[in-house]
């Protein structure tokens, strides 16, 4: 199935609070964003942000240049509806990240659970080509994927599991690995999923 059709169907037929990746509090992402030292007026993009609450949290902390990208228009509409008037303070982008054409440079790129769906090397290379276009020198790249102990599938799709070392190889020499951390995510259904988060900094 075409991946856009897949994700539109998911977000059109399921409650955003019932999908397995739902987080009421994206604490690890917020901690890594804070650790990056990014200023409140610097640009952040949440790739695959969908209906995630991360954008709500960042708005609440005073960040003023936020973009959320997702392949699913339905996911972004759910987020807009939730934010109400606050949605007007966010740049909403419906796009497949591997084909995204960034119009500005970002100080921070955040991706929780998109990269591990890219099972083809060509897609991973396209993703990183876009990231290199989008992230400013010394900008931050935060990627969270299923760890080596994590599930082998998600939402009925095959995924690729990573260690910090294998993810760093995919990211490439333009970025240095700054920090990593693990998370056991509890799904709305009570399951447990092992994630690894990596924060990279783009070299000058």
N, C-alpha and C. Protein backbone atom coordinates (compact mmCIF):
# COMPACT_ATOMS: atom_id res chain seq x y z
N UNK A 1 0.84 -1.20 0.00
CA UNK A 1 0.00 0.00 0.00
C UNK A 1 0.87 1.25 0.00
N UNK A 2 0.46 2.26 -0.75
CA UNK A 2 1.12 3.56 -0.73
C UNK A 2 1.15 4.10 0.71
N UNK A 3 2.30 4.62 1.14
CA UNK A 3 2.40 4.98 2.56
C UNK A 3 1.53 6.17 2.93
N UNK A 4 1.28 7.09 2.00
CA UNK A 4 0.37 8.18 2.32
C UNK A 4 -1.04 7.64 2.56
N UNK A 5 -1.50 6.74 1.67
CA UNK A 5 -2.82 6.15 1.86
C UNK A 5 -2.90 5.43 3.20
N UNK A 6 -1.82 4.70 3.54
CA UNK A 6 -1.80 3.97 4.81
C UNK A 6 -2.01 4.91 5.99
N UNK A 7 -1.24 6.00 6.04
CA UNK A 7 -1.30 6.88 7.20
C UNK A 7 -2.57 7.73 7.21
N UNK A 8 -3.08 8.10 6.05
CA UNK A 8 -4.36 8.80 6.02
C UNK A 8 -5.46 7.90 6.57
N UNK A 9 -5.40 6.62 6.23
CA UNK A 9 -6.41 5.69 6.73
C UNK A 9 -6.31 5.53 8.25
N UNK A 10 -5.10 5.43 8.75
CA UNK A 10 -4.91 5.30 10.20
C UNK A 10 -5.51 6.49 10.94
N UNK A 11 -5.15 7.70 10.49
CA UNK A 11 -5.58 8.89 11.22
C UNK A 11 -7.04 9.24 10.96
N UNK A 12 -7.62 8.68 9.90
CA UNK A 12 -9.02 8.95 9.60
C UNK A 12 -9.96 7.98 10.33
N UNK A 13 -9.42 6.88 10.82
CA UNK A 13 -10.28 5.84 11.40
C UNK A 13 -10.00 5.56 12.88
N UNK A 14 -8.94 6.16 13.43
CA UNK A 14 -8.60 5.86 14.83
C UNK A 14 -8.45 7.15 15.62
N UNK A 15 -8.78 7.09 16.90
CA UNK A 15 -8.56 8.23 17.77
C UNK A 15 -7.07 8.49 17.91
N UNK A 16 -6.68 9.76 17.90
CA UNK A 16 -5.25 10.07 18.00
C UNK A 16 -4.68 9.68 19.36
N UNK A 17 -5.53 9.55 20.36
CA UNK A 17 -5.07 9.13 21.68
C UNK A 17 -5.01 7.62 21.84
N UNK A 18 -5.42 6.89 20.78
CA UNK A 18 -5.44 5.42 20.86
C UNK A 18 -4.34 4.77 20.04
N UNK A 19 -3.66 5.54 19.17
CA UNK A 19 -2.58 4.94 18.37
C UNK A 19 -1.41 4.58 19.28
N UNK A 20 -0.64 3.59 18.90
CA UNK A 20 0.38 3.03 19.80
C UNK A 20 1.47 4.03 20.15
N UNK A 21 1.71 5.00 19.28
CA UNK A 21 2.81 5.95 19.52
C UNK A 21 2.38 7.18 20.32
N UNK A 22 1.11 7.23 20.74
CA UNK A 22 0.61 8.40 21.48
C UNK A 22 1.37 8.58 22.79
N UNK A 23 1.73 9.83 23.07
CA UNK A 23 2.37 10.20 24.33
C UNK A 23 1.63 11.40 24.93
N UNK A 24 1.14 11.27 26.13
CA UNK A 24 0.53 12.41 26.81
C UNK A 24 1.59 13.43 27.20
N UNK A 25 2.81 12.95 27.45
CA UNK A 25 3.91 13.83 27.84
C UNK A 25 5.18 13.40 27.12
N UNK A 26 5.59 14.14 26.07
CA UNK A 26 6.80 13.77 25.33
C UNK A 26 8.07 14.21 26.07
N UNK A 27 8.27 13.66 27.25
CA UNK A 27 9.29 14.15 28.17
C UNK A 27 10.71 14.00 27.63
N UNK A 28 11.02 12.87 26.99
CA UNK A 28 12.39 12.67 26.51
C UNK A 28 12.71 13.65 25.39
N UNK A 29 11.77 13.83 24.48
CA UNK A 29 11.99 14.80 23.40
C UNK A 29 12.21 16.20 23.96
N UNK A 30 11.40 16.60 24.91
CA UNK A 30 11.53 17.93 25.51
C UNK A 30 12.87 18.09 26.21
N UNK A 31 13.33 17.03 26.87
CA UNK A 31 14.62 17.08 27.56
C UNK A 31 15.76 17.26 26.57
N UNK A 32 15.71 16.53 25.45
CA UNK A 32 16.77 16.64 24.45
C UNK A 32 16.74 18.00 23.75
N UNK A 33 15.55 18.51 23.51
CA UNK A 33 15.44 19.85 22.92
C UNK A 33 16.03 20.89 23.86
N UNK A 34 15.73 20.77 25.15
CA UNK A 34 16.30 21.70 26.12
C UNK A 34 17.82 21.59 26.18
N UNK A 35 18.32 20.35 26.10
CA UNK A 35 19.77 20.12 26.16
C UNK A 35 20.49 20.71 24.95
N UNK A 36 19.77 20.88 23.85
CA UNK A 36 20.40 21.43 22.64
C UNK A 36 20.78 22.89 22.80
N UNK A 37 20.16 23.57 23.76
CA UNK A 37 20.45 24.98 23.97
C UNK A 37 19.78 25.90 22.96
N UNK A 38 18.85 25.40 22.19
CA UNK A 38 18.18 26.20 21.18
C UNK A 38 17.42 27.36 21.82
N UNK A 39 17.44 28.50 21.15
CA UNK A 39 16.74 29.68 21.65
C UNK A 39 15.27 29.66 21.23
N UNK A 40 14.45 30.40 21.96
CA UNK A 40 13.01 30.36 21.73
C UNK A 40 12.60 30.92 20.36
N UNK A 41 13.45 31.75 19.76
CA UNK A 41 13.11 32.33 18.46
C UNK A 41 13.81 31.64 17.29
N UNK A 42 14.41 30.47 17.55
CA UNK A 42 15.04 29.70 16.48
C UNK A 42 14.05 28.69 15.93
N UNK A 43 14.25 28.31 14.66
CA UNK A 43 13.28 27.47 13.96
C UNK A 43 13.44 25.99 14.31
N UNK A 44 12.30 25.36 14.59
CA UNK A 44 12.22 23.92 14.89
C UNK A 44 11.23 23.29 13.94
N UNK A 45 11.56 22.10 13.43
CA UNK A 45 10.60 21.31 12.66
C UNK A 45 10.44 19.94 13.30
N UNK A 46 9.19 19.54 13.50
CA UNK A 46 8.87 18.22 14.03
C UNK A 46 8.42 17.36 12.85
N UNK A 47 9.30 16.47 12.42
CA UNK A 47 9.06 15.66 11.24
C UNK A 47 8.26 14.42 11.63
N UNK A 48 7.15 14.20 10.93
CA UNK A 48 6.26 13.12 11.32
C UNK A 48 5.51 13.44 12.58
N UNK A 49 5.35 14.74 12.85
CA UNK A 49 4.72 15.18 14.10
C UNK A 49 3.28 14.75 14.23
N UNK A 50 2.59 14.60 13.09
CA UNK A 50 1.22 14.11 13.12
C UNK A 50 0.37 14.85 14.13
N UNK A 51 -0.27 14.10 15.00
CA UNK A 51 -1.11 14.69 16.04
C UNK A 51 -0.39 14.72 17.39
N UNK A 52 0.94 14.65 17.36
CA UNK A 52 1.73 14.64 18.59
C UNK A 52 1.49 15.90 19.42
N UNK A 53 1.61 15.77 20.73
CA UNK A 53 1.46 16.90 21.65
C UNK A 53 2.75 17.70 21.81
N UNK A 54 3.81 17.32 21.11
CA UNK A 54 5.07 18.04 21.26
C UNK A 54 4.90 19.51 20.89
N UNK A 55 4.17 19.80 19.82
CA UNK A 55 4.01 21.18 19.40
C UNK A 55 3.28 22.00 20.46
N UNK A 56 2.29 21.40 21.12
CA UNK A 56 1.59 22.10 22.22
C UNK A 56 2.57 22.48 23.32
N UNK A 57 3.43 21.52 23.67
CA UNK A 57 4.40 21.74 24.74
C UNK A 57 5.40 22.83 24.38
N UNK A 58 5.86 22.83 23.12
CA UNK A 58 6.82 23.83 22.70
C UNK A 58 6.20 25.21 22.65
N UNK A 59 4.97 25.32 22.18
CA UNK A 59 4.27 26.59 22.21
C UNK A 59 4.14 27.08 23.65
N UNK A 60 3.80 26.16 24.54
CA UNK A 60 3.64 26.52 25.95
C UNK A 60 4.93 26.98 26.60
N UNK A 61 6.06 26.57 26.05
CA UNK A 61 7.37 26.99 26.57
C UNK A 61 7.91 28.23 25.87
N UNK A 62 7.12 28.80 24.98
CA UNK A 62 7.50 30.07 24.38
C UNK A 62 8.24 30.00 23.06
N UNK A 63 8.35 28.81 22.47
CA UNK A 63 9.00 28.72 21.16
C UNK A 63 8.06 29.32 20.11
N UNK A 64 8.63 30.12 19.22
CA UNK A 64 7.79 30.93 18.33
C UNK A 64 7.91 30.59 16.86
N UNK A 65 8.88 29.74 16.47
CA UNK A 65 9.06 29.41 15.05
C UNK A 65 8.99 27.89 14.91
N UNK A 66 7.77 27.38 14.84
CA UNK A 66 7.55 25.95 14.85
C UNK A 66 6.91 25.50 13.54
N UNK A 67 7.39 24.38 13.04
CA UNK A 67 6.79 23.72 11.88
C UNK A 67 6.54 22.27 12.23
N UNK A 68 5.43 21.73 11.75
CA UNK A 68 5.10 20.31 11.91
C UNK A 68 4.85 19.73 10.53
N UNK A 69 5.59 18.69 10.19
CA UNK A 69 5.46 18.03 8.90
C UNK A 69 4.91 16.62 9.11
N UNK A 70 3.96 16.25 8.27
CA UNK A 70 3.47 14.87 8.31
C UNK A 70 2.93 14.50 6.95
N UNK A 71 3.01 13.23 6.62
CA UNK A 71 2.49 12.74 5.35
C UNK A 71 0.97 12.72 5.35
N UNK A 72 0.36 12.73 6.54
CA UNK A 72 -1.09 12.63 6.68
C UNK A 72 -1.72 14.00 6.95
N UNK A 73 -2.54 14.46 6.02
CA UNK A 73 -3.29 15.69 6.24
C UNK A 73 -4.27 15.53 7.40
N UNK A 74 -4.84 14.33 7.55
CA UNK A 74 -5.80 14.09 8.63
C UNK A 74 -5.14 14.24 9.99
N UNK A 75 -3.88 13.79 10.11
CA UNK A 75 -3.16 13.93 11.38
C UNK A 75 -2.96 15.39 11.73
N UNK A 76 -2.56 16.17 10.74
CA UNK A 76 -2.31 17.59 11.01
C UNK A 76 -3.62 18.33 11.31
N UNK A 77 -4.69 17.95 10.65
CA UNK A 77 -5.98 18.57 10.94
C UNK A 77 -6.40 18.29 12.38
N UNK A 78 -6.11 17.10 12.87
CA UNK A 78 -6.43 16.76 14.27
C UNK A 78 -5.64 17.65 15.22
N UNK A 79 -4.37 17.88 14.90
CA UNK A 79 -3.55 18.74 15.74
C UNK A 79 -4.03 20.17 15.70
N UNK A 80 -4.38 20.66 14.52
CA UNK A 80 -4.88 22.02 14.38
C UNK A 80 -6.16 22.21 15.19
N UNK A 81 -7.05 21.24 15.09
CA UNK A 81 -8.32 21.32 15.82
C UNK A 81 -8.07 21.36 17.32
N UNK A 82 -7.12 20.57 17.78
CA UNK A 82 -6.80 20.54 19.21
C UNK A 82 -6.24 21.87 19.69
N UNK A 83 -5.39 22.49 18.88
CA UNK A 83 -4.73 23.74 19.27
C UNK A 83 -5.64 24.96 19.15
N UNK A 84 -6.66 24.86 18.32
CA UNK A 84 -7.56 26.00 18.15
C UNK A 84 -6.83 27.20 17.58
N UNK A 85 -6.98 28.37 18.22
CA UNK A 85 -6.34 29.59 17.73
C UNK A 85 -4.82 29.46 17.69
N UNK A 86 -4.27 28.64 18.56
CA UNK A 86 -2.82 28.45 18.60
C UNK A 86 -2.27 27.84 17.33
N UNK A 87 -3.12 27.17 16.54
CA UNK A 87 -2.67 26.53 15.30
C UNK A 87 -2.12 27.56 14.32
N UNK A 88 -2.59 28.79 14.41
CA UNK A 88 -2.12 29.84 13.51
C UNK A 88 -0.68 30.24 13.76
N UNK A 89 -0.09 29.78 14.86
CA UNK A 89 1.29 30.11 15.19
C UNK A 89 2.26 29.03 14.71
N UNK A 90 1.75 28.06 13.97
CA UNK A 90 2.56 26.91 13.52
C UNK A 90 2.49 26.82 12.00
N UNK A 91 3.60 26.45 11.39
CA UNK A 91 3.65 26.18 9.96
C UNK A 91 3.37 24.69 9.76
N UNK A 92 2.24 24.37 9.13
CA UNK A 92 1.82 22.98 8.93
C UNK A 92 2.18 22.54 7.52
N UNK A 93 2.89 21.43 7.39
CA UNK A 93 3.39 20.97 6.09
C UNK A 93 2.93 19.54 5.85
N UNK A 94 2.11 19.34 4.81
CA UNK A 94 1.72 17.99 4.41
C UNK A 94 2.70 17.53 3.35
N UNK A 95 3.54 16.55 3.69
CA UNK A 95 4.56 16.10 2.75
C UNK A 95 5.14 14.77 3.21
N UNK A 96 5.60 13.99 2.25
CA UNK A 96 6.47 12.85 2.52
C UNK A 96 7.86 13.43 2.76
N UNK A 97 8.43 13.16 3.90
CA UNK A 97 9.70 13.81 4.26
C UNK A 97 10.79 13.52 3.24
N UNK A 98 10.74 12.36 2.59
CA UNK A 98 11.79 12.03 1.61
C UNK A 98 11.69 12.90 0.35
N UNK A 99 10.56 13.61 0.20
CA UNK A 99 10.36 14.48 -0.96
C UNK A 99 10.19 15.95 -0.56
N UNK A 100 10.37 16.24 0.70
CA UNK A 100 10.17 17.59 1.23
C UNK A 100 11.21 18.55 0.65
N UNK A 101 10.75 19.76 0.30
CA UNK A 101 11.65 20.79 -0.20
C UNK A 101 11.64 21.96 0.79
N UNK A 102 12.57 21.95 1.76
CA UNK A 102 12.56 22.98 2.81
C UNK A 102 12.78 24.38 2.24
N UNK A 103 12.01 25.32 2.79
CA UNK A 103 12.10 26.71 2.36
C UNK A 103 12.91 27.57 3.32
N UNK A 104 13.34 26.98 4.42
CA UNK A 104 14.18 27.71 5.37
C UNK A 104 15.11 26.73 6.07
N UNK A 105 16.04 27.30 6.84
CA UNK A 105 16.98 26.51 7.62
C UNK A 105 16.45 26.39 9.05
N UNK A 106 16.59 25.18 9.59
CA UNK A 106 16.10 24.92 10.94
C UNK A 106 17.27 24.73 11.90
N UNK A 107 17.10 25.26 13.10
CA UNK A 107 18.10 25.05 14.15
C UNK A 107 17.94 23.68 14.79
N UNK A 108 16.73 23.10 14.65
CA UNK A 108 16.50 21.78 15.25
C UNK A 108 15.47 21.01 14.44
N UNK A 109 15.82 19.78 14.13
CA UNK A 109 14.96 18.82 13.41
C UNK A 109 14.67 17.69 14.38
N UNK A 110 13.39 17.43 14.64
CA UNK A 110 12.98 16.38 15.57
C UNK A 110 12.16 15.33 14.83
N UNK A 111 12.47 14.08 15.06
CA UNK A 111 11.76 12.96 14.43
C UNK A 111 11.64 11.84 15.43
N UNK A 112 10.43 11.61 15.90
CA UNK A 112 10.17 10.44 16.74
C UNK A 112 9.35 9.46 15.92
N UNK A 113 10.00 8.37 15.51
CA UNK A 113 9.33 7.22 14.90
C UNK A 113 8.92 7.42 13.45
N UNK A 114 9.69 8.18 12.68
CA UNK A 114 9.53 8.18 11.22
C UNK A 114 10.66 7.39 10.57
N UNK A 115 11.90 7.69 10.97
CA UNK A 115 13.05 7.12 10.28
C UNK A 115 13.02 5.59 10.27
N UNK A 116 12.53 4.99 11.36
CA UNK A 116 12.58 3.52 11.39
C UNK A 116 11.60 2.86 10.42
N UNK A 117 10.67 3.63 9.83
CA UNK A 117 9.79 3.08 8.81
C UNK A 117 10.45 3.04 7.43
N UNK A 118 11.59 3.68 7.28
CA UNK A 118 12.25 3.74 5.98
C UNK A 118 13.11 2.50 5.80
N UNK A 119 12.52 1.46 5.27
CA UNK A 119 13.20 0.18 5.15
C UNK A 119 14.06 0.09 3.90
N UNK A 120 13.88 1.00 2.96
CA UNK A 120 14.70 1.02 1.74
C UNK A 120 15.85 2.00 1.90
N UNK A 121 17.04 1.58 1.51
CA UNK A 121 18.22 2.44 1.63
C UNK A 121 18.03 3.74 0.85
N UNK A 122 17.35 3.67 -0.29
CA UNK A 122 17.14 4.86 -1.11
C UNK A 122 16.31 5.90 -0.34
N UNK A 123 15.30 5.43 0.38
CA UNK A 123 14.48 6.36 1.17
C UNK A 123 15.28 6.99 2.30
N UNK A 124 16.14 6.19 2.93
CA UNK A 124 16.95 6.74 4.03
C UNK A 124 17.94 7.77 3.48
N UNK A 125 18.49 7.50 2.33
CA UNK A 125 19.41 8.47 1.72
C UNK A 125 18.68 9.74 1.33
N UNK A 126 17.46 9.61 0.81
CA UNK A 126 16.67 10.79 0.45
C UNK A 126 16.32 11.60 1.69
N UNK A 127 15.96 10.90 2.77
CA UNK A 127 15.65 11.57 4.04
C UNK A 127 16.84 12.41 4.50
N UNK A 128 18.02 11.82 4.49
CA UNK A 128 19.20 12.54 4.97
C UNK A 128 19.60 13.67 4.01
N UNK A 129 19.35 13.50 2.74
CA UNK A 129 19.62 14.60 1.80
C UNK A 129 18.74 15.80 2.13
N UNK A 130 17.48 15.54 2.45
CA UNK A 130 16.57 16.62 2.85
C UNK A 130 17.03 17.24 4.17
N UNK A 131 17.41 16.41 5.12
CA UNK A 131 17.87 16.92 6.42
C UNK A 131 19.09 17.82 6.27
N UNK A 132 20.00 17.43 5.40
CA UNK A 132 21.19 18.27 5.19
C UNK A 132 20.83 19.62 4.56
N UNK A 133 19.81 19.62 3.71
CA UNK A 133 19.34 20.89 3.15
C UNK A 133 18.67 21.76 4.21
N UNK A 134 17.98 21.10 5.15
CA UNK A 134 17.10 21.82 6.07
C UNK A 134 17.79 22.30 7.35
N UNK A 135 18.82 21.60 7.80
CA UNK A 135 19.41 21.90 9.11
C UNK A 135 20.60 22.83 8.94
N UNK A 136 20.60 23.90 9.68
CA UNK A 136 21.68 24.89 9.59
C UNK A 136 22.98 24.34 10.20
N UNK A 137 24.13 24.90 9.84
CA UNK A 137 25.39 24.49 10.47
C UNK A 137 25.29 24.61 11.99
N UNK A 138 25.77 23.58 12.68
CA UNK A 138 25.71 23.46 14.13
C UNK A 138 24.28 23.31 14.65
N UNK A 139 23.34 23.05 13.73
CA UNK A 139 21.98 22.75 14.14
C UNK A 139 21.88 21.33 14.69
N UNK A 140 20.74 21.02 15.30
CA UNK A 140 20.54 19.74 15.97
C UNK A 140 19.59 18.84 15.19
N UNK A 141 19.91 17.56 15.20
CA UNK A 141 19.09 16.51 14.59
C UNK A 141 18.77 15.49 15.68
N UNK A 142 17.50 15.40 16.04
CA UNK A 142 17.06 14.44 17.05
C UNK A 142 16.22 13.38 16.35
N UNK A 143 16.66 12.14 16.44
CA UNK A 143 15.92 11.02 15.85
C UNK A 143 15.69 9.97 16.93
N UNK A 144 14.43 9.52 17.03
CA UNK A 144 14.08 8.42 17.93
C UNK A 144 13.52 7.28 17.10
N UNK A 145 14.07 6.09 17.30
CA UNK A 145 13.61 4.90 16.58
C UNK A 145 13.42 3.76 17.58
N UNK A 146 12.81 2.68 17.12
CA UNK A 146 12.82 1.48 17.94
C UNK A 146 14.26 1.01 18.11
N UNK A 147 14.59 0.61 19.31
CA UNK A 147 15.93 0.12 19.60
C UNK A 147 16.06 -1.34 19.16
N UNK A 148 17.23 -1.90 19.36
CA UNK A 148 17.45 -3.30 18.97
C UNK A 148 16.55 -4.26 19.73
N UNK A 149 16.03 -3.82 20.87
CA UNK A 149 15.10 -4.64 21.66
C UNK A 149 13.64 -4.30 21.37
N UNK A 150 13.42 -3.38 20.42
CA UNK A 150 12.06 -2.92 20.15
C UNK A 150 11.30 -3.83 19.21
N UNK A 151 10.06 -3.46 18.89
CA UNK A 151 9.24 -4.27 17.98
C UNK A 151 9.84 -4.34 16.59
N UNK A 152 9.47 -5.38 15.88
CA UNK A 152 9.91 -5.54 14.50
C UNK A 152 8.92 -4.95 13.51
N UNK A 153 7.71 -4.62 13.99
CA UNK A 153 6.69 -4.01 13.16
C UNK A 153 5.98 -2.93 13.97
N UNK A 154 5.36 -1.99 13.23
CA UNK A 154 4.50 -0.99 13.87
C UNK A 154 3.42 -0.62 12.89
N UNK A 155 2.19 -0.54 13.36
CA UNK A 155 1.05 -0.17 12.52
C UNK A 155 0.96 -1.09 11.29
N UNK A 156 1.35 -2.35 11.48
CA UNK A 156 1.29 -3.32 10.39
C UNK A 156 2.40 -3.23 9.38
N UNK A 157 3.38 -2.35 9.62
CA UNK A 157 4.48 -2.14 8.68
C UNK A 157 5.80 -2.63 9.25
N UNK A 158 6.65 -3.13 8.38
CA UNK A 158 8.01 -3.49 8.78
C UNK A 158 8.78 -2.23 9.16
N UNK A 159 9.70 -2.36 10.10
CA UNK A 159 10.55 -1.24 10.49
C UNK A 159 12.01 -1.72 10.54
N UNK A 160 12.92 -0.78 10.75
CA UNK A 160 14.33 -1.11 10.96
C UNK A 160 14.68 -0.65 12.37
N UNK A 161 15.23 -1.56 13.16
CA UNK A 161 15.64 -1.21 14.53
C UNK A 161 17.09 -0.72 14.53
N UNK A 162 17.40 0.16 15.49
CA UNK A 162 18.73 0.77 15.49
C UNK A 162 19.36 0.78 16.88
N UNK A 163 20.70 0.77 16.85
CA UNK A 163 21.52 1.16 17.99
C UNK A 163 22.01 2.57 17.71
N UNK A 164 22.55 3.28 18.70
CA UNK A 164 23.14 4.59 18.41
C UNK A 164 24.21 4.51 17.32
N UNK A 165 24.99 3.45 17.34
CA UNK A 165 26.08 3.32 16.37
C UNK A 165 25.54 3.11 14.95
N UNK A 166 24.54 2.26 14.80
CA UNK A 166 24.02 2.02 13.45
C UNK A 166 23.25 3.22 12.94
N UNK A 167 22.58 3.94 13.84
CA UNK A 167 21.88 5.15 13.41
C UNK A 167 22.89 6.23 12.99
N UNK A 168 23.98 6.34 13.73
CA UNK A 168 25.01 7.32 13.38
C UNK A 168 25.58 7.03 11.99
N UNK A 169 25.72 5.76 11.65
CA UNK A 169 26.22 5.41 10.31
C UNK A 169 25.24 5.87 9.24
N UNK A 170 23.95 5.73 9.49
CA UNK A 170 22.95 6.17 8.52
C UNK A 170 22.95 7.70 8.39
N UNK A 171 23.13 8.38 9.51
CA UNK A 171 23.10 9.85 9.51
C UNK A 171 24.30 10.41 8.74
N UNK A 172 25.46 9.81 8.92
CA UNK A 172 26.61 10.19 8.12
C UNK A 172 27.56 11.15 8.80
N UNK A 173 28.63 11.46 8.10
CA UNK A 173 29.74 12.22 8.67
C UNK A 173 29.48 13.71 8.80
N UNK A 174 28.37 14.20 8.25
CA UNK A 174 28.06 15.62 8.39
C UNK A 174 27.60 15.97 9.80
N UNK A 175 27.30 14.94 10.59
CA UNK A 175 26.77 15.16 11.93
C UNK A 175 27.60 14.38 12.94
N UNK A 176 27.73 14.95 14.14
CA UNK A 176 28.38 14.24 15.24
C UNK A 176 27.33 13.84 16.28
N UNK A 177 27.47 12.64 16.81
CA UNK A 177 26.55 12.15 17.83
C UNK A 177 26.91 12.79 19.16
N UNK A 178 25.97 13.52 19.74
CA UNK A 178 26.22 14.27 20.97
C UNK A 178 25.74 13.50 22.20
N UNK A 179 24.54 12.92 22.14
CA UNK A 179 24.02 12.18 23.29
C UNK A 179 22.96 11.20 22.85
N UNK A 180 22.77 10.17 23.66
CA UNK A 180 21.74 9.17 23.41
C UNK A 180 21.03 8.84 24.71
N UNK A 181 19.82 8.36 24.59
CA UNK A 181 19.12 7.86 25.77
C UNK A 181 18.07 6.84 25.32
N UNK A 182 17.68 6.00 26.24
CA UNK A 182 16.68 4.96 25.97
C UNK A 182 15.37 5.32 26.64
N UNK A 183 14.29 4.79 26.08
CA UNK A 183 12.97 4.99 26.66
C UNK A 183 12.15 3.72 26.48
N UNK A 184 11.45 3.33 27.51
CA UNK A 184 10.44 2.28 27.38
C UNK A 184 9.09 2.99 27.30
N UNK A 185 8.53 3.00 26.10
CA UNK A 185 7.26 3.68 25.87
C UNK A 185 6.11 2.74 26.18
N UNK A 186 5.18 3.21 27.01
CA UNK A 186 3.97 2.45 27.30
C UNK A 186 2.87 2.91 26.37
N UNK A 187 2.35 1.99 25.56
CA UNK A 187 1.31 2.32 24.59
C UNK A 187 -0.03 2.50 25.31
N UNK A 188 -0.99 3.16 24.65
CA UNK A 188 -2.32 3.28 25.26
C UNK A 188 -2.95 1.94 25.61
N UNK A 189 -2.55 0.88 24.88
CA UNK A 189 -3.09 -0.45 25.17
C UNK A 189 -2.34 -1.19 26.27
N UNK A 190 -1.32 -0.55 26.84
CA UNK A 190 -0.58 -1.16 27.93
C UNK A 190 0.65 -1.94 27.51
N UNK A 191 0.98 -1.95 26.23
CA UNK A 191 2.20 -2.61 25.77
C UNK A 191 3.43 -1.76 26.03
N UNK A 192 4.59 -2.35 25.83
CA UNK A 192 5.85 -1.64 26.06
C UNK A 192 6.72 -1.74 24.82
N UNK A 193 7.29 -0.60 24.43
CA UNK A 193 8.15 -0.52 23.24
C UNK A 193 9.46 0.16 23.62
N UNK A 194 10.57 -0.44 23.20
CA UNK A 194 11.90 0.11 23.50
C UNK A 194 12.33 1.06 22.39
N UNK A 195 12.59 2.30 22.77
CA UNK A 195 13.08 3.32 21.84
C UNK A 195 14.51 3.72 22.19
N UNK A 196 15.25 4.16 21.19
CA UNK A 196 16.53 4.82 21.41
C UNK A 196 16.43 6.21 20.78
N UNK A 197 16.85 7.22 21.53
CA UNK A 197 16.88 8.60 21.06
C UNK A 197 18.34 9.02 20.86
N UNK A 198 18.60 9.68 19.76
CA UNK A 198 19.95 10.19 19.50
C UNK A 198 19.87 11.66 19.11
N UNK A 199 20.72 12.46 19.72
CA UNK A 199 20.83 13.87 19.32
C UNK A 199 22.18 14.08 18.65
N UNK A 200 22.12 14.55 17.42
CA UNK A 200 23.30 14.85 16.62
C UNK A 200 23.43 16.35 16.45
N UNK A 201 24.65 16.81 16.25
CA UNK A 201 24.87 18.21 15.90
C UNK A 201 25.54 18.28 14.54
N UNK A 202 25.02 19.13 13.69
CA UNK A 202 25.64 19.27 12.37
C UNK A 202 26.97 19.99 12.49
N UNK A 203 27.95 19.48 11.78
CA UNK A 203 29.28 20.07 11.83
C UNK A 203 29.29 21.38 11.02
N UNK A 204 30.23 22.25 11.33
CA UNK A 204 30.35 23.52 10.61
C UNK A 204 30.69 23.25 9.14
